[in-house]
């Protein structure tokens, strides 16, 4: 499920605007997409117009219950710790920041 089809850069800009309250947010181009960091914690991937957050066993269930799938950059590779964020969450800045903070804590090893 994709939100925007007008190029990853405009989607990256949109997501960064939604995540404006995340401390030390930065974006780095990688794997044909983008990685999002909060300080040194790598917590998110943007790839082909989709946003993925790092999950743990507990949070992963919420993504699966929403019908979301893990990040699959190719037919042979699936990153099962990164799940697609539901569109309704991505479009709601407050909800997206709550989910992002949880993902940041998981990525930093404090979640």
C-alpha atoms as a PDB file:
ATOM      1  CA  UNK A   1       0.000   0.000   0.000  1.00  0.00           C
ATOM      2  CA  UNK A   2       1.595   3.266  -1.141  1.00  0.00           C
ATOM      3  CA  UNK A   3       0.611   6.750  -0.100  1.00  0.00           C
ATOM      4  CA  UNK A   4       2.236   8.845  -2.808  1.00  0.00           C
ATOM      5  CA  UNK A   5       3.408   8.084  -6.298  1.00  0.00           C
ATOM      6  CA  UNK A   6       5.160  11.375  -7.068  1.00  0.00           C
ATOM      7  CA  UNK A   7       8.654  10.211  -6.134  1.00  0.00           C
ATOM      8  CA  UNK A   8      10.337   9.148  -2.937  1.00  0.00           C
ATOM      9  CA  UNK A   9      11.801  12.599  -2.231  1.00  0.00           C
ATOM     10  CA  UNK A  10       8.421  14.267  -1.809  1.00  0.00           C
ATOM     11  CA  UNK A  11       7.307  11.369   0.399  1.00  0.00           C
ATOM     12  CA  UNK A  12      10.510  11.690   2.458  1.00  0.00           C
ATOM     13  CA  UNK A  13       9.775  15.402   2.884  1.00  0.00           C
ATOM     14  CA  UNK A  14       6.195  14.601   3.956  1.00  0.00           C
ATOM     15  CA  UNK A  15       7.321  11.971   6.491  1.00  0.00           C
ATOM     16  CA  UNK A  16      10.019  14.251   7.917  1.00  0.00           C
ATOM     17  CA  UNK A  17       7.406  16.982   8.327  1.00  0.00           C
ATOM     18  CA  UNK A  18       5.147  14.542  10.164  1.00  0.00           C
ATOM     19  CA  UNK A  19       8.072  13.488  12.392  1.00  0.00           C
ATOM     20  CA  UNK A  20       9.174  17.034  13.192  1.00  0.00           C
ATOM     21  CA  UNK A  21       9.064  16.348  16.960  1.00  0.00           C
ATOM     22  CA  UNK A  22      11.530  13.433  16.846  1.00  0.00           C
ATOM     23  CA  UNK A  23      14.861  14.637  18.301  1.00  0.00           C
ATOM     24  CA  UNK A  24      17.928  14.549  16.052  1.00  0.00           C
ATOM     25  CA  UNK A  25      15.950  13.232  13.057  1.00  0.00           C
ATOM     26  CA  UNK A  26      18.101  12.754   9.976  1.00  0.00           C
ATOM     27  CA  UNK A  27      17.736  11.003   6.651  1.00  0.00           C
ATOM     28  CA  UNK A  28      20.392   9.038   4.789  1.00  0.00           C
ATOM     29  CA  UNK A  29      20.065   7.629   1.287  1.00  0.00           C
ATOM     30  CA  UNK A  30      20.511   3.824   1.287  1.00  0.00           C
ATOM     31  CA  UNK A  31      19.361   0.579  -0.422  1.00  0.00           C
ATOM     32  CA  UNK A  32      17.739   2.513  -3.239  1.00  0.00           C
ATOM     33  CA  UNK A  33      15.641   4.280  -0.611  1.00  0.00           C
ATOM     34  CA  UNK A  34      16.230   6.173   2.611  1.00  0.00           C
ATOM     35  CA  UNK A  35      17.083   5.349   6.200  1.00  0.00           C
ATOM     36  CA  UNK A  36      15.771   7.501   9.040  1.00  0.00           C
ATOM     37  CA  UNK A  37      17.742   7.981  12.224  1.00  0.00           C
ATOM     38  CA  UNK A  38      17.014   9.599  15.579  1.00  0.00           C
ATOM     39  CA  UNK A  39      20.523  10.390  16.733  1.00  0.00           C
ATOM     40  CA  UNK A  40      22.422   7.141  16.121  1.00  0.00           C
ATOM     41  CA  UNK A  41      19.308   4.910  16.253  1.00  0.00           C
ATOM     42  CA  UNK A  42      18.358   3.586  12.799  1.00  0.00           C
ATOM     43  CA  UNK A  43      14.601   3.177  13.190  1.00  0.00           C
ATOM     44  CA  UNK A  44      12.946   3.532   9.796  1.00  0.00           C
ATOM     45  CA  UNK A  45      13.171   2.826   6.072  1.00  0.00           C
ATOM     46  CA  UNK A  46      11.455   4.630   3.230  1.00  0.00           C
ATOM     47  CA  UNK A  47      11.407   2.603   0.035  1.00  0.00           C
ATOM     48  CA  UNK A  48       9.282   3.033  -3.090  1.00  0.00           C
ATOM     49  CA  UNK A  49       6.783   5.335  -1.415  1.00  0.00           C
ATOM     50  CA  UNK A  50       6.318   3.162   1.682  1.00  0.00           C
ATOM     51  CA  UNK A  51       7.354   3.824   5.277  1.00  0.00           C
ATOM     52  CA  UNK A  52       8.633   1.029   7.523  1.00  0.00           C
ATOM     53  CA  UNK A  53       9.433   1.163  11.253  1.00  0.00           C
ATOM     54  CA  UNK A  54      11.648  -1.155  13.271  1.00  0.00           C
ATOM     55  CA  UNK A  55       9.603  -3.488  15.441  1.00  0.00           C
ATOM     56  CA  UNK A  56      10.046  -5.986  18.233  1.00  0.00           C
ATOM     57  CA  UNK A  57       7.941  -9.063  19.028  1.00  0.00           C
ATOM     58  CA  UNK A  58       5.365  -7.017  20.932  1.00  0.00           C
ATOM     59  CA  UNK A  59       4.924  -4.109  18.501  1.00  0.00           C
ATOM     60  CA  UNK A  60       5.069  -6.356  15.436  1.00  0.00           C
ATOM     61  CA  UNK A  61       1.658  -7.799  16.331  1.00  0.00           C
ATOM     62  CA  UNK A  62       0.027  -4.369  15.968  1.00  0.00           C
ATOM     63  CA  UNK A  63       1.414  -4.004  12.441  1.00  0.00           C
ATOM     64  CA  UNK A  64       0.282  -7.501  11.484  1.00  0.00           C
ATOM     65  CA  UNK A  65      -3.196  -6.895  12.926  1.00  0.00           C
ATOM     66  CA  UNK A  66      -3.397  -3.807  10.699  1.00  0.00           C
ATOM     67  CA  UNK A  67      -2.563  -6.017   7.687  1.00  0.00           C
ATOM     68  CA  UNK A  68       0.947  -4.652   7.229  1.00  0.00           C
ATOM     69  CA  UNK A  69       3.864  -6.672   5.873  1.00  0.00           C
ATOM     70  CA  UNK A  70       7.602  -6.684   6.602  1.00  0.00           C
ATOM     71  CA  UNK A  71      10.030  -4.792   4.390  1.00  0.00           C
ATOM     72  CA  UNK A  72      10.911  -6.846   1.334  1.00  0.00           C
ATOM     73  CA  UNK A  73      13.535  -5.056  -0.781  1.00  0.00           C
ATOM     74  CA  UNK A  74      13.784  -7.986  -3.210  1.00  0.00           C
ATOM     75  CA  UNK A  75      12.213 -11.366  -3.942  1.00  0.00           C
ATOM     76  CA  UNK A  76      15.023 -13.080  -2.020  1.00  0.00           C
ATOM     77  CA  UNK A  77      15.268 -10.761   0.970  1.00  0.00           C
ATOM     78  CA  UNK A  78      12.832  -9.865   3.749  1.00  0.00           C
ATOM     79  CA  UNK A  79      13.756  -7.725   6.754  1.00  0.00           C
ATOM     80  CA  UNK A  80      11.327  -9.070   9.349  1.00  0.00           C
ATOM     81  CA  UNK A  81      12.150  -6.447  11.973  1.00  0.00           C
ATOM     82  CA  UNK A  82      10.890  -3.580   9.766  1.00  0.00           C
ATOM     83  CA  UNK A  83       7.142  -3.396   9.083  1.00  0.00           C
ATOM     84  CA  UNK A  84       5.174  -1.063   6.863  1.00  0.00           C
ATOM     85  CA  UNK A  85       3.373   1.701   8.748  1.00  0.00           C
ATOM     86  CA  UNK A  86      -0.391   1.867   8.071  1.00  0.00           C
ATOM     87  CA  UNK A  87      -1.473   4.775   5.853  1.00  0.00           C
ATOM     88  CA  UNK A  88      -3.859   6.194   8.456  1.00  0.00           C
ATOM     89  CA  UNK A  89      -0.999   6.346  10.985  1.00  0.00           C
ATOM     90  CA  UNK A  90       1.367   7.963   8.469  1.00  0.00           C
ATOM     91  CA  UNK A  91      -1.192  10.676   7.729  1.00  0.00           C
ATOM     92  CA  UNK A  92      -1.798  11.470  11.431  1.00  0.00           C
ATOM     93  CA  UNK A  93       1.273  13.329  12.730  1.00  0.00           C
ATOM     94  CA  UNK A  94       0.520  12.686  16.422  1.00  0.00           C
ATOM     95  CA  UNK A  95      -0.053   8.963  15.903  1.00  0.00           C
ATOM     96  CA  UNK A  96       2.983   8.689  13.631  1.00  0.00           C
ATOM     97  CA  UNK A  97       5.196  10.330  16.235  1.00  0.00           C
ATOM     98  CA  UNK A  98       3.951   7.896  18.924  1.00  0.00           C
ATOM     99  CA  UNK A  99       4.731   4.907  16.684  1.00  0.00           C
ATOM    100  CA  UNK A 100       8.076   6.446  15.705  1.00  0.00           C
ATOM    101  CA  UNK A 101       9.114   7.013  19.330  1.00  0.00           C
ATOM    102  CA  UNK A 102       8.379   3.370  20.074  1.00  0.00           C
ATOM    103  CA  UNK A 103      10.463   2.351  17.042  1.00  0.00           C
ATOM    104  CA  UNK A 104      13.310   4.651  18.088  1.00  0.00           C
ATOM    105  CA  UNK A 105      13.338   3.063  21.566  1.00  0.00           C
ATOM    106  CA  UNK A 106      13.443  -0.405  19.991  1.00  0.00           C
ATOM    107  CA  UNK A 107      16.266   0.605  17.643  1.00  0.00           C
ATOM    108  CA  UNK A 108      18.197   2.173  20.529  1.00  0.00           C
ATOM    109  CA  UNK A 109      17.793  -0.980  22.599  1.00  0.00           C
ATOM    110  CA  UNK A 110      15.688   0.677  25.273  1.00  0.00           C
ATOM    111  CA  UNK A 111      12.258  -0.469  24.060  1.00  0.00           C
END
